[in-house]
Amino acid sequence: MSKSFPNGVNVEQLVGTINAIKETPSIADFKFNATTTWINGGHCRTKIQHFTGACAEDTSRKEPFILEGDEPPVLLGENHGVNAVEALLHALGSCLSVGIVYNGAAMGINIKSLSFDISGELNLHAFLGLSETIRPGYKNISVKINIDSDASRDKVEELCKYVEKTSPMLDCIRNPVPVTITIM
């Protein structure tokens, strides 16, 4: 770990970004985009490249990121990639990881190691059209944080509680997000 980059985070740049957003709030407005194309059966491919944020279009990604989606054979797929509900667990873990590492660096907390055991339970009845009372999504998600740090247990808990309040992905899961679907 570098002293100038605790947890691999440029804290000076992070503080600069926060101060810039305080002066010009519109810098905080971002729009992310994805294009998903069906391949065959349960297999699809999502390309993610361009987004806008900090009052400009990002050009740092010369090539798109490619995410493969599919289902396991028991759900009629061929395992070309994770299924959508597994991808959601990844998104949650990724968001919590960034939140803990970045905020930990800003709080002077040295993270030695960090991992998450995340599981979600759902029932396929609604997805298969067999129930109108069972929700089609996860009925619960469990996150276990495995963290090794030089900080006290109280400081680590304070950090994790703060991240729980500020995580965009956790907020998307816990609170309804308006979704507009248009058939072209």
N, C-alpha and C. Protein backbone atom coordinates (compact mmCIF):
# COMPACT_ATOMS: atom_id res chain seq x y z
N MET A 1 0.84 -1.19 0.00
CA MET A 1 0.00 0.00 0.00
C MET A 1 0.88 1.24 0.00
N SER A 2 0.59 2.17 -0.88
CA SER A 2 1.31 3.42 -0.95
C SER A 2 0.72 4.41 0.04
N LYS A 3 1.61 5.20 0.69
CA LYS A 3 1.11 6.18 1.65
C LYS A 3 0.22 7.22 0.97
N SER A 4 0.54 7.56 -0.28
CA SER A 4 -0.26 8.57 -0.97
C SER A 4 -1.54 7.98 -1.57
N PHE A 5 -1.61 6.65 -1.65
CA PHE A 5 -2.78 6.00 -2.20
C PHE A 5 -3.23 4.87 -1.27
N PRO A 6 -3.78 5.20 -0.10
CA PRO A 6 -4.24 4.15 0.81
C PRO A 6 -5.35 3.33 0.15
N ASN A 7 -5.26 2.01 0.30
CA ASN A 7 -6.23 1.08 -0.31
C ASN A 7 -6.26 1.21 -1.83
N GLY A 8 -5.20 1.80 -2.42
CA GLY A 8 -5.17 2.00 -3.87
C GLY A 8 -6.01 3.17 -4.34
N VAL A 9 -6.39 4.07 -3.42
CA VAL A 9 -7.28 5.19 -3.73
C VAL A 9 -6.52 6.51 -3.61
N ASN A 10 -6.60 7.35 -4.63
CA ASN A 10 -6.01 8.67 -4.60
C ASN A 10 -6.96 9.57 -3.79
N VAL A 11 -6.72 9.66 -2.49
CA VAL A 11 -7.61 10.39 -1.59
C VAL A 11 -7.62 11.88 -1.93
N GLU A 12 -6.50 12.42 -2.34
CA GLU A 12 -6.45 13.83 -2.72
C GLU A 12 -7.39 14.10 -3.90
N GLN A 13 -7.39 13.22 -4.87
CA GLN A 13 -8.30 13.37 -6.02
C GLN A 13 -9.75 13.17 -5.58
N LEU A 14 -9.99 12.21 -4.68
CA LEU A 14 -11.33 11.98 -4.16
C LEU A 14 -11.88 13.23 -3.46
N VAL A 15 -11.07 13.83 -2.60
CA VAL A 15 -11.48 15.06 -1.90
C VAL A 15 -11.68 16.19 -2.91
N GLY A 16 -10.82 16.26 -3.92
CA GLY A 16 -10.98 17.27 -4.96
C GLY A 16 -12.29 17.12 -5.71
N THR A 17 -12.66 15.87 -6.00
CA THR A 17 -13.92 15.60 -6.68
C THR A 17 -15.10 16.03 -5.81
N ILE A 18 -15.05 15.70 -4.54
CA ILE A 18 -16.13 16.09 -3.62
C ILE A 18 -16.27 17.61 -3.57
N ASN A 19 -15.15 18.31 -3.47
CA ASN A 19 -15.18 19.77 -3.42
C ASN A 19 -15.69 20.36 -4.72
N ALA A 20 -15.30 19.78 -5.86
CA ALA A 20 -15.79 20.27 -7.16
C ALA A 20 -17.30 20.10 -7.26
N ILE A 21 -17.82 18.97 -6.77
CA ILE A 21 -19.27 18.73 -6.80
C ILE A 21 -20.00 19.70 -5.88
N LYS A 22 -19.39 20.05 -4.76
CA LYS A 22 -20.00 21.04 -3.86
C LYS A 22 -20.13 22.37 -4.57
N GLU A 23 -19.13 22.75 -5.37
CA GLU A 23 -19.15 24.02 -6.10
C GLU A 23 -20.05 23.97 -7.32
N THR A 24 -20.07 22.83 -8.03
CA THR A 24 -20.87 22.68 -9.25
C THR A 24 -21.62 21.36 -9.15
N PRO A 25 -22.81 21.36 -8.55
CA PRO A 25 -23.55 20.12 -8.31
C PRO A 25 -23.82 19.28 -9.55
N SER A 26 -23.94 19.88 -10.72
CA SER A 26 -24.25 19.11 -11.93
C SER A 26 -23.12 18.16 -12.32
N ILE A 27 -21.93 18.34 -11.77
CA ILE A 27 -20.83 17.41 -12.04
C ILE A 27 -21.20 16.00 -11.57
N ALA A 28 -22.08 15.90 -10.60
CA ALA A 28 -22.45 14.61 -10.02
C ALA A 28 -23.48 13.84 -10.86
N ASP A 29 -24.01 14.46 -11.91
CA ASP A 29 -25.01 13.79 -12.75
C ASP A 29 -24.35 12.87 -13.76
N PHE A 30 -24.67 11.57 -13.69
CA PHE A 30 -24.12 10.57 -14.59
C PHE A 30 -25.24 9.82 -15.28
N LYS A 31 -24.98 9.36 -16.49
CA LYS A 31 -25.91 8.49 -17.21
C LYS A 31 -25.09 7.34 -17.79
N PHE A 32 -25.42 6.12 -17.34
CA PHE A 32 -24.73 4.93 -17.81
C PHE A 32 -25.62 4.22 -18.83
N ASN A 33 -25.00 3.52 -19.77
CA ASN A 33 -25.72 2.90 -20.88
C ASN A 33 -25.24 1.47 -21.08
N ALA A 34 -26.14 0.63 -21.55
CA ALA A 34 -25.79 -0.75 -21.91
C ALA A 34 -26.65 -1.15 -23.09
N THR A 35 -26.10 -1.99 -23.96
CA THR A 35 -26.85 -2.56 -25.07
C THR A 35 -26.76 -4.07 -24.97
N THR A 36 -27.92 -4.69 -24.79
CA THR A 36 -27.98 -6.14 -24.66
C THR A 36 -28.60 -6.73 -25.92
N THR A 37 -27.95 -7.76 -26.47
CA THR A 37 -28.43 -8.43 -27.68
C THR A 37 -28.62 -9.91 -27.38
N TRP A 38 -29.79 -10.41 -27.71
CA TRP A 38 -30.07 -11.83 -27.55
C TRP A 38 -29.28 -12.63 -28.57
N ILE A 39 -28.69 -13.75 -28.16
CA ILE A 39 -27.91 -14.61 -29.04
C ILE A 39 -28.73 -15.85 -29.42
N ASN A 40 -29.11 -16.66 -28.41
CA ASN A 40 -29.87 -17.88 -28.65
C ASN A 40 -30.29 -18.46 -27.30
N GLY A 41 -31.47 -19.02 -27.23
CA GLY A 41 -31.94 -19.61 -25.98
C GLY A 41 -31.89 -18.57 -24.88
N GLY A 42 -31.22 -18.88 -23.76
CA GLY A 42 -31.09 -17.92 -22.66
C GLY A 42 -29.86 -17.04 -22.78
N HIS A 43 -29.06 -17.23 -23.83
CA HIS A 43 -27.79 -16.52 -24.00
C HIS A 43 -28.00 -15.13 -24.59
N CYS A 44 -27.41 -14.14 -23.93
CA CYS A 44 -27.40 -12.77 -24.45
C CYS A 44 -26.03 -12.17 -24.17
N ARG A 45 -25.76 -11.06 -24.83
CA ARG A 45 -24.47 -10.38 -24.69
C ARG A 45 -24.74 -8.89 -24.48
N THR A 46 -24.12 -8.33 -23.44
CA THR A 46 -24.28 -6.91 -23.15
C THR A 46 -22.96 -6.20 -23.37
N LYS A 47 -23.04 -5.09 -24.11
CA LYS A 47 -21.87 -4.25 -24.34
C LYS A 47 -22.05 -2.97 -23.53
N ILE A 48 -21.00 -2.59 -22.82
CA ILE A 48 -21.02 -1.38 -22.01
C ILE A 48 -19.75 -0.60 -22.35
N GLN A 49 -19.93 0.65 -22.80
CA GLN A 49 -18.75 1.43 -23.14
C GLN A 49 -18.92 2.90 -22.75
N HIS A 50 -19.85 3.57 -23.36
CA HIS A 50 -19.95 5.01 -23.19
C HIS A 50 -20.87 5.39 -22.04
N PHE A 51 -20.52 6.46 -21.37
CA PHE A 51 -21.39 7.05 -20.37
C PHE A 51 -21.07 8.53 -20.31
N THR A 52 -21.98 9.28 -19.72
CA THR A 52 -21.72 10.70 -19.51
C THR A 52 -21.66 10.95 -18.01
N GLY A 53 -20.81 11.88 -17.63
CA GLY A 53 -20.67 12.25 -16.24
C GLY A 53 -19.64 13.34 -16.11
N ALA A 54 -19.67 14.05 -15.02
CA ALA A 54 -18.76 15.18 -14.81
C ALA A 54 -18.90 16.18 -15.95
N CYS A 55 -20.14 16.34 -16.42
CA CYS A 55 -20.49 17.31 -17.47
C CYS A 55 -19.83 17.02 -18.81
N ALA A 56 -19.52 15.75 -19.10
CA ALA A 56 -18.89 15.40 -20.37
C ALA A 56 -19.16 13.94 -20.69
N GLU A 57 -18.93 13.59 -21.98
CA GLU A 57 -19.00 12.18 -22.36
C GLU A 57 -17.64 11.56 -22.09
N ASP A 58 -17.66 10.40 -21.45
CA ASP A 58 -16.41 9.70 -21.15
C ASP A 58 -15.86 9.04 -22.41
N THR A 59 -14.57 9.20 -22.65
CA THR A 59 -13.91 8.57 -23.80
C THR A 59 -12.76 7.66 -23.36
N SER A 60 -12.71 7.30 -22.09
CA SER A 60 -11.60 6.50 -21.58
C SER A 60 -11.65 5.04 -22.01
N ARG A 61 -12.81 4.57 -22.40
CA ARG A 61 -12.97 3.17 -22.79
C ARG A 61 -12.88 3.04 -24.30
N LYS A 62 -11.74 2.59 -24.77
CA LYS A 62 -11.53 2.47 -26.22
C LYS A 62 -12.30 1.29 -26.80
N GLU A 63 -12.49 0.25 -26.00
CA GLU A 63 -13.26 -0.93 -26.40
C GLU A 63 -14.35 -1.16 -25.37
N PRO A 64 -15.50 -1.71 -25.79
CA PRO A 64 -16.57 -1.96 -24.82
C PRO A 64 -16.24 -3.14 -23.91
N PHE A 65 -16.80 -3.10 -22.72
CA PHE A 65 -16.79 -4.27 -21.85
C PHE A 65 -17.90 -5.18 -22.33
N ILE A 66 -17.63 -6.48 -22.37
CA ILE A 66 -18.61 -7.46 -22.85
C ILE A 66 -18.98 -8.36 -21.67
N LEU A 67 -20.26 -8.43 -21.39
CA LEU A 67 -20.78 -9.31 -20.34
C LEU A 67 -21.69 -10.35 -20.99
N GLU A 68 -21.39 -11.60 -20.72
CA GLU A 68 -22.21 -12.69 -21.25
C GLU A 68 -23.26 -13.06 -20.21
N GLY A 69 -24.47 -13.26 -20.65
CA GLY A 69 -25.54 -13.70 -19.77
C GLY A 69 -26.16 -14.97 -20.31
N ASP A 70 -26.54 -15.87 -19.44
CA ASP A 70 -27.18 -17.12 -19.84
C ASP A 70 -27.83 -17.72 -18.60
N GLU A 71 -28.29 -18.89 -18.72
CA GLU A 71 -28.87 -19.64 -17.62
C GLU A 71 -28.11 -20.96 -17.48
N PRO A 72 -28.13 -21.56 -16.29
CA PRO A 72 -27.53 -22.89 -16.16
C PRO A 72 -28.43 -23.92 -16.85
N PRO A 73 -27.92 -25.10 -17.15
CA PRO A 73 -28.73 -26.12 -17.83
C PRO A 73 -30.05 -26.44 -17.14
N VAL A 74 -30.07 -26.44 -15.80
CA VAL A 74 -31.32 -26.74 -15.09
C VAL A 74 -32.40 -25.71 -15.40
N LEU A 75 -31.99 -24.53 -15.88
CA LEU A 75 -32.94 -23.49 -16.28
C LEU A 75 -32.91 -23.30 -17.80
N LEU A 76 -32.56 -24.37 -18.51
CA LEU A 76 -32.61 -24.47 -19.97
C LEU A 76 -31.53 -23.69 -20.70
N GLY A 77 -30.49 -23.27 -20.01
CA GLY A 77 -29.40 -22.54 -20.64
C GLY A 77 -28.19 -23.41 -20.88
N GLU A 78 -27.10 -22.75 -21.31
CA GLU A 78 -25.87 -23.46 -21.63
C GLU A 78 -24.65 -22.89 -20.89
N ASN A 79 -24.89 -22.10 -19.83
CA ASN A 79 -23.80 -21.56 -19.00
C ASN A 79 -22.78 -20.71 -19.78
N HIS A 80 -23.26 -19.91 -20.73
CA HIS A 80 -22.35 -18.99 -21.43
C HIS A 80 -21.96 -17.82 -20.55
N GLY A 81 -22.67 -17.63 -19.47
CA GLY A 81 -22.40 -16.55 -18.52
C GLY A 81 -23.33 -16.68 -17.34
N VAL A 82 -23.19 -15.76 -16.40
CA VAL A 82 -24.07 -15.78 -15.23
C VAL A 82 -25.48 -15.37 -15.63
N ASN A 83 -26.47 -15.78 -14.84
CA ASN A 83 -27.81 -15.31 -15.15
C ASN A 83 -28.02 -13.93 -14.51
N ALA A 84 -29.11 -13.30 -14.85
CA ALA A 84 -29.33 -11.92 -14.45
C ALA A 84 -29.36 -11.72 -12.94
N VAL A 85 -29.97 -12.64 -12.22
CA VAL A 85 -30.04 -12.46 -10.77
C VAL A 85 -28.67 -12.68 -10.12
N GLU A 86 -27.81 -13.51 -10.73
CA GLU A 86 -26.44 -13.64 -10.25
C GLU A 86 -25.65 -12.37 -10.55
N ALA A 87 -25.90 -11.77 -11.71
CA ALA A 87 -25.23 -10.52 -12.08
C ALA A 87 -25.59 -9.41 -11.10
N LEU A 88 -26.83 -9.43 -10.61
CA LEU A 88 -27.23 -8.44 -9.61
C LEU A 88 -26.42 -8.60 -8.33
N LEU A 89 -26.16 -9.85 -7.92
CA LEU A 89 -25.34 -10.09 -6.72
C LEU A 89 -23.92 -9.56 -6.95
N HIS A 90 -23.39 -9.77 -8.15
CA HIS A 90 -22.07 -9.22 -8.48
C HIS A 90 -22.09 -7.69 -8.40
N ALA A 91 -23.11 -7.08 -8.96
CA ALA A 91 -23.21 -5.62 -8.95
C ALA A 91 -23.25 -5.09 -7.52
N LEU A 92 -23.98 -5.77 -6.65
CA LEU A 92 -24.05 -5.37 -5.26
C LEU A 92 -22.68 -5.49 -4.59
N GLY A 93 -22.02 -6.62 -4.76
CA GLY A 93 -20.70 -6.82 -4.17
C GLY A 93 -19.68 -5.82 -4.69
N SER A 94 -19.73 -5.53 -5.98
CA SER A 94 -18.81 -4.57 -6.58
C SER A 94 -19.03 -3.18 -6.00
N CYS A 95 -20.29 -2.77 -5.88
CA CYS A 95 -20.61 -1.45 -5.34
C CYS A 95 -20.20 -1.33 -3.88
N LEU A 96 -20.49 -2.35 -3.08
CA LEU A 96 -20.10 -2.32 -1.67
C LEU A 96 -18.58 -2.30 -1.52
N SER A 97 -17.89 -3.02 -2.38
CA SER A 97 -16.43 -3.05 -2.35
C SER A 97 -15.85 -1.66 -2.59
N VAL A 98 -16.32 -0.99 -3.64
CA VAL A 98 -15.86 0.36 -3.94
C VAL A 98 -16.17 1.30 -2.78
N GLY A 99 -17.38 1.20 -2.25
CA GLY A 99 -17.77 2.07 -1.14
C GLY A 99 -16.90 1.89 0.08
N ILE A 100 -16.63 0.65 0.44
CA ILE A 100 -15.82 0.39 1.63
C ILE A 100 -14.37 0.80 1.41
N VAL A 101 -13.81 0.47 0.27
CA VAL A 101 -12.40 0.80 0.00
C VAL A 101 -12.20 2.31 -0.12
N TYR A 102 -13.04 3.00 -0.87
CA TYR A 102 -12.88 4.44 -1.06
C TYR A 102 -13.13 5.20 0.24
N ASN A 103 -14.23 4.89 0.90
CA ASN A 103 -14.53 5.59 2.15
C ASN A 103 -13.56 5.21 3.25
N GLY A 104 -13.11 3.97 3.26
CA GLY A 104 -12.09 3.55 4.22
C GLY A 104 -10.82 4.36 4.03
N ALA A 105 -10.40 4.55 2.78
CA ALA A 105 -9.20 5.35 2.50
C ALA A 105 -9.39 6.78 3.00
N ALA A 106 -10.56 7.35 2.73
CA ALA A 106 -10.83 8.73 3.17
C ALA A 106 -10.85 8.84 4.69
N MET A 107 -11.24 7.77 5.38
CA MET A 107 -11.30 7.77 6.84
C MET A 107 -9.99 7.32 7.48
N GLY A 108 -8.99 7.02 6.63
CA GLY A 108 -7.70 6.58 7.16
C GLY A 108 -7.69 5.13 7.61
N ILE A 109 -8.61 4.33 7.08
CA ILE A 109 -8.70 2.92 7.44
C ILE A 109 -7.96 2.09 6.38
N ASN A 110 -6.95 1.36 6.82
CA ASN A 110 -6.18 0.49 5.94
C ASN A 110 -6.91 -0.84 5.80
N ILE A 111 -7.34 -1.16 4.58
CA ILE A 111 -8.01 -2.43 4.31
C ILE A 111 -6.94 -3.42 3.83
N LYS A 112 -6.74 -4.48 4.58
CA LYS A 112 -5.77 -5.51 4.18
C LYS A 112 -6.40 -6.49 3.19
N SER A 113 -7.64 -6.89 3.47
CA SER A 113 -8.37 -7.78 2.56
C SER A 113 -9.86 -7.53 2.75
N LEU A 114 -10.60 -7.79 1.68
CA LEU A 114 -12.05 -7.56 1.70
C LEU A 114 -12.70 -8.52 0.73
N SER A 115 -13.72 -9.21 1.20
CA SER A 115 -14.52 -10.06 0.32
C SER A 115 -15.95 -10.11 0.88
N PHE A 116 -16.85 -10.57 0.04
CA PHE A 116 -18.26 -10.64 0.41
C PHE A 116 -18.79 -12.02 0.06
N ASP A 117 -19.56 -12.59 0.95
CA ASP A 117 -20.34 -13.78 0.65
C ASP A 117 -21.77 -13.29 0.51
N ILE A 118 -22.29 -13.38 -0.71
CA ILE A 118 -23.61 -12.82 -1.01
C ILE A 118 -24.50 -13.93 -1.56
N SER A 119 -25.69 -14.04 -1.01
CA SER A 119 -26.63 -15.02 -1.54
C SER A 119 -28.02 -14.40 -1.58
N GLY A 120 -28.80 -14.86 -2.52
CA GLY A 120 -30.17 -14.38 -2.66
C GLY A 120 -31.09 -15.56 -2.91
N GLU A 121 -32.27 -15.48 -2.35
CA GLU A 121 -33.26 -16.55 -2.52
C GLU A 121 -34.43 -16.03 -3.33
N LEU A 122 -34.84 -16.83 -4.31
CA LEU A 122 -36.04 -16.49 -5.07
C LEU A 122 -36.77 -17.76 -5.44
N ASN A 123 -38.02 -17.60 -5.84
CA ASN A 123 -38.88 -18.71 -6.20
C ASN A 123 -39.35 -18.47 -7.63
N LEU A 124 -39.29 -19.48 -8.49
CA LEU A 124 -39.60 -19.32 -9.91
C LEU A 124 -41.10 -19.31 -10.26
N HIS A 125 -41.97 -19.49 -9.29
CA HIS A 125 -43.40 -19.56 -9.60
C HIS A 125 -43.90 -18.36 -10.40
N ALA A 126 -43.58 -17.16 -9.97
CA ALA A 126 -44.07 -15.96 -10.68
C ALA A 126 -43.43 -15.85 -12.06
N PHE A 127 -42.12 -16.09 -12.16
CA PHE A 127 -41.43 -16.03 -13.45
C PHE A 127 -42.06 -16.98 -14.46
N LEU A 128 -42.49 -18.15 -14.00
CA LEU A 128 -43.08 -19.15 -14.88
C LEU A 128 -44.59 -18.96 -15.06
N GLY A 129 -45.14 -17.90 -14.48
CA GLY A 129 -46.56 -17.62 -14.63
C GLY A 129 -47.45 -18.51 -13.79
N LEU A 130 -46.90 -19.08 -12.73
CA LEU A 130 -47.65 -20.02 -11.89
C LEU A 130 -48.21 -19.38 -10.62
N SER A 131 -47.85 -18.12 -10.38
CA SER A 131 -48.35 -17.46 -9.17
C SER A 131 -48.40 -15.95 -9.39
N GLU A 132 -49.44 -15.37 -8.85
CA GLU A 132 -49.54 -13.91 -8.86
C GLU A 132 -49.29 -13.34 -7.46
N THR A 133 -49.01 -14.21 -6.50
CA THR A 133 -48.78 -13.75 -5.13
C THR A 133 -47.31 -13.83 -4.72
N ILE A 134 -46.54 -14.66 -5.38
CA ILE A 134 -45.11 -14.75 -5.09
C ILE A 134 -44.39 -13.77 -6.00
N ARG A 135 -43.52 -12.96 -5.42
CA ARG A 135 -42.80 -11.99 -6.25
C ARG A 135 -41.80 -12.70 -7.15
N PRO A 136 -41.54 -12.18 -8.36
CA PRO A 136 -40.61 -12.83 -9.27
C PRO A 136 -39.14 -12.60 -8.90
N GLY A 137 -38.85 -11.58 -8.13
CA GLY A 137 -37.47 -11.27 -7.77
C GLY A 137 -37.06 -11.92 -6.47
N TYR A 138 -35.88 -11.52 -6.02
CA TYR A 138 -35.37 -12.05 -4.76
C TYR A 138 -36.33 -11.75 -3.63
N LYS A 139 -36.53 -12.74 -2.75
CA LYS A 139 -37.33 -12.47 -1.54
C LYS A 139 -36.43 -11.98 -0.42
N ASN A 140 -35.12 -12.28 -0.52
CA ASN A 140 -34.15 -11.73 0.42
C ASN A 140 -32.74 -11.89 -0.16
N ILE A 141 -31.87 -11.04 0.29
CA ILE A 141 -30.45 -11.10 -0.07
C ILE A 141 -29.66 -10.98 1.22
N SER A 142 -28.65 -11.83 1.37
CA SER A 142 -27.80 -11.82 2.55
C SER A 142 -26.37 -11.47 2.13
N VAL A 143 -25.78 -10.52 2.84
CA VAL A 143 -24.40 -10.09 2.57
C VAL A 143 -23.58 -10.28 3.83
N LYS A 144 -22.52 -11.05 3.72
CA LYS A 144 -21.56 -11.20 4.82
C LYS A 144 -20.27 -10.54 4.37
N ILE A 145 -19.80 -9.58 5.14
CA ILE A 145 -18.59 -8.84 4.82
C ILE A 145 -17.42 -9.47 5.57
N ASN A 146 -16.41 -9.88 4.83
CA ASN A 146 -15.18 -10.42 5.40
C ASN A 146 -14.11 -9.35 5.21
N ILE A 147 -13.76 -8.67 6.30
CA ILE A 147 -12.84 -7.55 6.19
C ILE A 147 -11.71 -7.69 7.20
N ASP A 148 -10.50 -7.47 6.74
CA ASP A 148 -9.33 -7.46 7.60
C ASP A 148 -8.74 -6.06 7.51
N SER A 149 -8.63 -5.41 8.64
CA SER A 149 -8.19 -4.02 8.68
C SER A 149 -7.41 -3.76 9.96
N ASP A 150 -6.59 -2.71 9.92
CA ASP A 150 -5.87 -2.27 11.12
C ASP A 150 -6.80 -1.52 12.07
N ALA A 151 -7.95 -1.10 11.58
CA ALA A 151 -8.87 -0.28 12.39
C ALA A 151 -9.59 -1.11 13.44
N SER A 152 -10.11 -0.44 14.44
CA SER A 152 -10.88 -1.11 15.49
C SER A 152 -12.20 -1.62 14.91
N ARG A 153 -12.79 -2.57 15.60
CA ARG A 153 -14.08 -3.13 15.18
C ARG A 153 -15.13 -2.01 15.08
N ASP A 154 -15.15 -1.08 16.05
CA ASP A 154 -16.11 0.02 16.03
C ASP A 154 -15.93 0.88 14.78
N LYS A 155 -14.68 1.16 14.42
CA LYS A 155 -14.40 2.00 13.24
C LYS A 155 -14.83 1.28 11.96
N VAL A 156 -14.57 -0.02 11.89
CA VAL A 156 -14.98 -0.81 10.72
C VAL A 156 -16.51 -0.85 10.62
N GLU A 157 -17.19 -1.02 11.73
CA GLU A 157 -18.65 -1.02 11.73
C GLU A 157 -19.20 0.33 11.31
N GLU A 158 -18.57 1.41 11.78
CA GLU A 158 -18.98 2.76 11.37
C GLU A 158 -18.83 2.93 9.85
N LEU A 159 -17.73 2.47 9.32
CA LEU A 159 -17.48 2.52 7.88
C LEU A 159 -18.55 1.74 7.11
N CYS A 160 -18.81 0.52 7.54
CA CYS A 160 -19.78 -0.33 6.84
C CYS A 160 -21.20 0.23 6.92
N LYS A 161 -21.57 0.79 8.05
CA LYS A 161 -22.90 1.40 8.19
C LYS A 161 -23.03 2.63 7.28
N TYR A 162 -21.95 3.40 7.16
CA TYR A 162 -21.96 4.56 6.27
C TYR A 162 -22.13 4.11 4.82
N VAL A 163 -21.39 3.09 4.43
CA VAL A 163 -21.48 2.59 3.05
C VAL A 163 -22.87 2.00 2.80
N GLU A 164 -23.44 1.36 3.79
CA GLU A 164 -24.79 0.82 3.63
C GLU A 164 -25.79 1.93 3.32
N LYS A 165 -25.59 3.11 3.89
CA LYS A 165 -26.48 4.26 3.64
C LYS A 165 -26.22 4.92 2.30
N THR A 166 -25.00 4.80 1.75
CA THR A 166 -24.63 5.57 0.56
C THR A 166 -24.41 4.74 -0.70
N SER A 167 -24.57 3.43 -0.63
CA SER A 167 -24.33 2.55 -1.79
C SER A 167 -25.44 2.71 -2.84
N PRO A 168 -25.08 3.15 -4.06
CA PRO A 168 -26.10 3.27 -5.11
C PRO A 168 -26.79 1.94 -5.44
N MET A 169 -26.04 0.85 -5.50
CA MET A 169 -26.64 -0.43 -5.85
C MET A 169 -27.57 -0.93 -4.75
N LEU A 170 -27.15 -0.78 -3.52
CA LEU A 170 -28.00 -1.19 -2.41
C LEU A 170 -29.29 -0.36 -2.41
N ASP A 171 -29.17 0.92 -2.71
CA ASP A 171 -30.36 1.77 -2.80
C ASP A 171 -31.28 1.30 -3.93
N CYS A 172 -30.71 0.94 -5.08
CA CYS A 172 -31.53 0.46 -6.20
C CYS A 172 -32.29 -0.81 -5.83
N ILE A 173 -31.67 -1.66 -5.03
CA ILE A 173 -32.31 -2.92 -4.62
C ILE A 173 -33.38 -2.66 -3.57
N ARG A 174 -33.09 -1.79 -2.62
CA ARG A 174 -34.01 -1.57 -1.50
C ARG A 174 -35.19 -0.67 -1.84
N ASN A 175 -35.05 0.17 -2.84
CA ASN A 175 -36.09 1.15 -3.16
C ASN A 175 -36.51 1.02 -4.61
N PRO A 176 -37.79 1.13 -4.88
CA PRO A 176 -38.26 1.03 -6.26
C PRO A 176 -37.59 2.10 -7.15
N VAL A 177 -37.18 1.68 -8.34
CA VAL A 177 -36.60 2.58 -9.33
C VAL A 177 -37.57 2.62 -10.51
N PRO A 178 -38.03 3.79 -10.92
CA PRO A 178 -38.90 3.85 -12.10
C PRO A 178 -38.18 3.30 -13.33
N VAL A 179 -38.81 2.40 -14.03
CA VAL A 179 -38.27 1.81 -15.25
C VAL A 179 -39.27 2.02 -16.37
N THR A 180 -38.83 2.63 -17.45
CA THR A 180 -39.68 2.85 -18.61
C THR A 180 -39.30 1.85 -19.69
N ILE A 181 -40.25 1.09 -20.19
CA ILE A 181 -40.00 0.13 -21.25
C ILE A 181 -40.74 0.57 -22.49
N THR A 182 -40.01 0.71 -23.60
CA THR A 182 -40.58 1.14 -24.88
C THR A 182 -40.30 0.06 -25.91
N ILE A 183 -41.32 -0.36 -26.65
CA ILE A 183 -41.14 -1.33 -27.72
C ILE A 183 -40.90 -0.57 -29.01
N MET A 184 -39.79 -0.84 -29.66
CA MET A 184 -39.43 -0.14 -30.88
C MET A 184 -39.88 -0.90 -32.11
